[in-house]
Amino acid sequence: MNTFQEITSAIRRLPRKDFYRVAKWVQKRFNDEWDKEMAEDAKAGRFDKLAAKALADLRAGKTTDMAHLFRSPKNARRLLAAKADLERP
């Protein structure tokens, strides 16, 4: 049995409460790793062309306001704030 199989086998035997604790830990670890990868990609310039295209489309009026997609006023405010940030030169 390899390490992965041992881990998954042990997880299957966990009581529900412990399983949820492990799942929460794994999700946090996954999110942290994703954030690191995104930061590394941004630092390496992997999003530069995409960002330039998005800003050009925004300035050219080729975008759609999506605030109506959010039922929560809080989420709509966040979206509008993000849009305002993008519109700054």
N, C-alpha and C. Protein backbone atom coordinates (compact mmCIF):
# COMPACT_ATOMS: atom_id res chain seq x y z
N MET A 1 0.85 -1.18 0.00
CA MET A 1 0.00 0.00 0.00
C MET A 1 0.89 1.24 0.00
N ASN A 2 0.57 2.22 -0.87
CA ASN A 2 1.36 3.45 -0.88
C ASN A 2 0.74 4.48 0.06
N THR A 3 1.44 5.59 0.23
CA THR A 3 1.00 6.61 1.17
C THR A 3 -0.39 7.14 0.85
N PHE A 4 -0.66 7.40 -0.42
CA PHE A 4 -1.97 7.92 -0.81
C PHE A 4 -3.07 6.93 -0.42
N GLN A 5 -2.86 5.68 -0.72
CA GLN A 5 -3.85 4.66 -0.38
C GLN A 5 -4.04 4.56 1.14
N GLU A 6 -2.96 4.67 1.88
CA GLU A 6 -3.06 4.63 3.34
C GLU A 6 -3.88 5.81 3.87
N ILE A 7 -3.61 6.97 3.31
CA ILE A 7 -4.33 8.17 3.76
C ILE A 7 -5.81 8.06 3.42
N THR A 8 -6.13 7.71 2.19
CA THR A 8 -7.54 7.62 1.81
C THR A 8 -8.26 6.52 2.59
N SER A 9 -7.57 5.46 2.85
CA SER A 9 -8.17 4.38 3.65
C SER A 9 -8.47 4.86 5.07
N ALA A 10 -7.53 5.58 5.65
CA ALA A 10 -7.71 6.11 7.00
C ALA A 10 -8.86 7.13 7.02
N ILE A 11 -8.97 7.94 6.00
CA ILE A 11 -10.04 8.94 5.94
C ILE A 11 -11.40 8.26 5.88
N ARG A 12 -11.48 7.19 5.10
CA ARG A 12 -12.75 6.46 5.01
C ARG A 12 -13.21 5.90 6.36
N ARG A 13 -12.29 5.63 7.23
CA ARG A 13 -12.62 5.05 8.53
C ARG A 13 -12.91 6.10 9.61
N LEU A 14 -12.69 7.35 9.30
CA LEU A 14 -12.89 8.42 10.29
C LEU A 14 -14.36 8.59 10.66
N PRO A 15 -14.61 8.92 11.91
CA PRO A 15 -15.96 9.33 12.28
C PRO A 15 -16.29 10.63 11.53
N ARG A 16 -17.57 10.86 11.32
CA ARG A 16 -18.01 12.01 10.52
C ARG A 16 -17.39 13.32 11.02
N LYS A 17 -17.38 13.56 12.31
CA LYS A 17 -16.84 14.81 12.87
C LYS A 17 -15.37 15.00 12.46
N ASP A 18 -14.59 13.95 12.58
CA ASP A 18 -13.18 14.04 12.20
C ASP A 18 -13.01 14.17 10.69
N PHE A 19 -13.88 13.47 9.95
CA PHE A 19 -13.84 13.60 8.49
C PHE A 19 -14.05 15.06 8.09
N TYR A 20 -15.04 15.72 8.70
CA TYR A 20 -15.30 17.12 8.38
C TYR A 20 -14.11 18.00 8.75
N ARG A 21 -13.47 17.71 9.85
CA ARG A 21 -12.28 18.48 10.25
C ARG A 21 -11.17 18.32 9.21
N VAL A 22 -10.96 17.09 8.74
CA VAL A 22 -9.93 16.84 7.72
C VAL A 22 -10.31 17.55 6.42
N ALA A 23 -11.57 17.44 6.04
CA ALA A 23 -12.03 18.08 4.81
C ALA A 23 -11.81 19.59 4.87
N LYS A 24 -12.11 20.20 6.02
CA LYS A 24 -11.91 21.64 6.19
C LYS A 24 -10.43 21.98 6.06
N TRP A 25 -9.57 21.17 6.65
CA TRP A 25 -8.13 21.40 6.57
C TRP A 25 -7.64 21.28 5.13
N VAL A 26 -8.11 20.23 4.43
CA VAL A 26 -7.68 20.03 3.04
C VAL A 26 -8.16 21.19 2.18
N GLN A 27 -9.39 21.65 2.38
CA GLN A 27 -9.90 22.77 1.59
C GLN A 27 -9.08 24.03 1.83
N LYS A 28 -8.73 24.29 3.07
CA LYS A 28 -7.90 25.46 3.38
C LYS A 28 -6.53 25.34 2.71
N ARG A 29 -5.95 24.15 2.79
CA ARG A 29 -4.64 23.92 2.16
C ARG A 29 -4.75 24.11 0.65
N PHE A 30 -5.80 23.58 0.05
CA PHE A 30 -6.02 23.73 -1.38
C PHE A 30 -6.12 25.21 -1.74
N ASN A 31 -6.93 25.95 -0.99
CA ASN A 31 -7.11 27.38 -1.25
C ASN A 31 -5.79 28.14 -1.10
N ASP A 32 -5.01 27.82 -0.08
CA ASP A 32 -3.72 28.48 0.12
C ASP A 32 -2.78 28.19 -1.04
N GLU A 33 -2.74 26.94 -1.49
CA GLU A 33 -1.88 26.58 -2.62
C GLU A 33 -2.33 27.29 -3.90
N TRP A 34 -3.64 27.35 -4.10
CA TRP A 34 -4.19 28.05 -5.27
C TRP A 34 -3.78 29.52 -5.24
N ASP A 35 -3.92 30.15 -4.08
CA ASP A 35 -3.53 31.56 -3.95
C ASP A 35 -2.05 31.76 -4.27
N LYS A 36 -1.21 30.85 -3.78
CA LYS A 36 0.22 30.95 -4.06
C LYS A 36 0.49 30.81 -5.56
N GLU A 37 -0.17 29.86 -6.19
CA GLU A 37 0.02 29.64 -7.62
C GLU A 37 -0.42 30.86 -8.42
N MET A 38 -1.57 31.42 -8.05
CA MET A 38 -2.06 32.61 -8.76
C MET A 38 -1.10 33.78 -8.57
N ALA A 39 -0.58 33.96 -7.37
CA ALA A 39 0.37 35.04 -7.11
C ALA A 39 1.65 34.85 -7.92
N GLU A 40 2.13 33.61 -7.99
CA GLU A 40 3.33 33.31 -8.77
C GLU A 40 3.09 33.58 -10.25
N ASP A 41 1.92 33.16 -10.74
CA ASP A 41 1.59 33.39 -12.15
C ASP A 41 1.48 34.88 -12.46
N ALA A 42 0.87 35.63 -11.54
CA ALA A 42 0.75 37.07 -11.74
C ALA A 42 2.12 37.73 -11.75
N LYS A 43 2.97 37.34 -10.81
CA LYS A 43 4.32 37.91 -10.73
C LYS A 43 5.12 37.59 -11.99
N ALA A 44 4.88 36.41 -12.56
CA ALA A 44 5.59 36.00 -13.78
C ALA A 44 5.00 36.63 -15.03
N GLY A 45 3.92 37.39 -14.88
CA GLY A 45 3.33 38.07 -16.02
C GLY A 45 2.40 37.21 -16.86
N ARG A 46 1.97 36.09 -16.33
CA ARG A 46 1.13 35.18 -17.11
C ARG A 46 -0.29 35.72 -17.35
N PHE A 47 -0.68 36.76 -16.64
CA PHE A 47 -2.01 37.34 -16.82
C PHE A 47 -1.96 38.69 -17.52
N ASP A 48 -0.79 39.15 -17.87
CA ASP A 48 -0.65 40.49 -18.43
C ASP A 48 -1.47 40.71 -19.69
N LYS A 49 -1.41 39.78 -20.63
CA LYS A 49 -2.17 39.94 -21.88
C LYS A 49 -3.66 39.90 -21.61
N LEU A 50 -4.07 39.00 -20.76
CA LEU A 50 -5.49 38.89 -20.42
C LEU A 50 -5.99 40.16 -19.73
N ALA A 51 -5.20 40.69 -18.81
CA ALA A 51 -5.58 41.91 -18.10
C ALA A 51 -5.64 43.10 -19.06
N ALA A 52 -4.68 43.19 -19.96
CA ALA A 52 -4.67 44.28 -20.93
C ALA A 52 -5.89 44.21 -21.84
N LYS A 53 -6.24 43.02 -22.28
CA LYS A 53 -7.42 42.85 -23.13
C LYS A 53 -8.69 43.22 -22.36
N ALA A 54 -8.80 42.78 -21.11
CA ALA A 54 -9.97 43.10 -20.30
C ALA A 54 -10.11 44.60 -20.10
N LEU A 55 -9.02 45.27 -19.80
CA LEU A 55 -9.06 46.72 -19.60
C LEU A 55 -9.40 47.45 -20.90
N ALA A 56 -8.85 46.97 -22.01
CA ALA A 56 -9.16 47.59 -23.30
C ALA A 56 -10.64 47.43 -23.62
N ASP A 57 -11.18 46.24 -23.38
CA ASP A 57 -12.61 46.01 -23.60
C ASP A 57 -13.46 46.89 -22.70
N LEU A 58 -13.05 47.02 -21.46
CA LEU A 58 -13.79 47.86 -20.51
C LEU A 58 -13.81 49.31 -20.98
N ARG A 59 -12.65 49.81 -21.36
CA ARG A 59 -12.55 51.21 -21.81
C ARG A 59 -13.29 51.45 -23.11
N ALA A 60 -13.40 50.40 -23.94
CA ALA A 60 -14.10 50.52 -25.22
C ALA A 60 -15.60 50.29 -25.08
N GLY A 61 -16.06 50.04 -23.86
CA GLY A 61 -17.48 49.82 -23.64
C GLY A 61 -17.97 48.47 -24.12
N LYS A 62 -17.07 47.50 -24.20
CA LYS A 62 -17.44 46.16 -24.70
C LYS A 62 -17.75 45.19 -23.57
N THR A 63 -18.02 45.70 -22.40
CA THR A 63 -18.31 44.84 -21.27
C THR A 63 -19.76 45.03 -20.83
N THR A 64 -20.23 44.11 -20.04
CA THR A 64 -21.60 44.15 -19.55
C THR A 64 -21.59 44.30 -18.04
N ASP A 65 -22.38 45.23 -17.56
CA ASP A 65 -22.53 45.40 -16.12
C ASP A 65 -23.26 44.18 -15.58
N MET A 66 -22.66 43.50 -14.61
CA MET A 66 -23.23 42.27 -14.08
C MET A 66 -23.83 42.44 -12.70
N ALA A 67 -23.99 43.66 -12.25
CA ALA A 67 -24.51 43.89 -10.91
C ALA A 67 -25.89 43.28 -10.73
N HIS A 68 -26.67 43.21 -11.80
CA HIS A 68 -28.01 42.65 -11.68
C HIS A 68 -28.00 41.15 -11.36
N LEU A 69 -26.85 40.50 -11.55
CA LEU A 69 -26.73 39.07 -11.27
C LEU A 69 -26.64 38.78 -9.78
N PHE A 70 -26.37 39.79 -9.00
CA PHE A 70 -26.20 39.60 -7.57
C PHE A 70 -27.43 40.12 -6.84
N ARG A 71 -28.07 39.24 -6.12
CA ARG A 71 -29.26 39.64 -5.38
C ARG A 71 -28.89 40.44 -4.14
N SER A 72 -27.76 40.14 -3.58
CA SER A 72 -27.34 40.79 -2.35
C SER A 72 -26.76 42.18 -2.66
N PRO A 73 -27.27 43.22 -2.02
CA PRO A 73 -26.68 44.55 -2.21
C PRO A 73 -25.20 44.57 -1.86
N LYS A 74 -24.82 43.77 -0.87
CA LYS A 74 -23.41 43.71 -0.47
C LYS A 74 -22.56 43.22 -1.64
N ASN A 75 -22.98 42.16 -2.32
CA ASN A 75 -22.23 41.64 -3.45
C ASN A 75 -22.22 42.62 -4.61
N ALA A 76 -23.34 43.28 -4.84
CA ALA A 76 -23.40 44.27 -5.91
C ALA A 76 -22.42 45.41 -5.64
N ARG A 77 -22.35 45.84 -4.38
CA ARG A 77 -21.40 46.91 -4.03
C ARG A 77 -19.96 46.46 -4.29
N ARG A 78 -19.67 45.20 -3.96
CA ARG A 78 -18.32 44.69 -4.18
C ARG A 78 -17.98 44.67 -5.67
N LEU A 79 -18.93 44.24 -6.48
CA LEU A 79 -18.72 44.20 -7.92
C LEU A 79 -18.49 45.59 -8.48
N LEU A 80 -19.31 46.53 -8.05
CA LEU A 80 -19.16 47.90 -8.54
C LEU A 80 -17.84 48.52 -8.08
N ALA A 81 -17.40 48.19 -6.88
CA ALA A 81 -16.11 48.69 -6.39
C ALA A 81 -14.98 48.10 -7.22
N ALA A 82 -15.08 46.81 -7.56
CA ALA A 82 -14.05 46.18 -8.38
C ALA A 82 -14.02 46.81 -9.77
N LYS A 83 -15.19 47.09 -10.31
CA LYS A 83 -15.27 47.75 -11.62
C LYS A 83 -14.60 49.12 -11.57
N ALA A 84 -14.87 49.87 -10.50
CA ALA A 84 -14.27 51.20 -10.35
C ALA A 84 -12.75 51.09 -10.27
N ASP A 85 -12.26 50.08 -9.60
CA ASP A 85 -10.80 49.86 -9.52
C ASP A 85 -10.22 49.62 -10.90
N LEU A 86 -10.92 48.83 -11.71
CA LEU A 86 -10.43 48.53 -13.06
C LEU A 86 -10.44 49.76 -13.96
N GLU A 87 -11.37 50.66 -13.71
CA GLU A 87 -11.51 51.83 -14.58
C GLU A 87 -10.45 52.89 -14.28
N ARG A 88 -9.78 52.77 -13.16
CA ARG A 88 -8.72 53.74 -12.86
C ARG A 88 -7.55 53.54 -13.81
N PRO A 89 -7.00 54.65 -14.31
CA PRO A 89 -5.87 54.53 -15.26
C PRO A 89 -4.61 54.00 -14.60
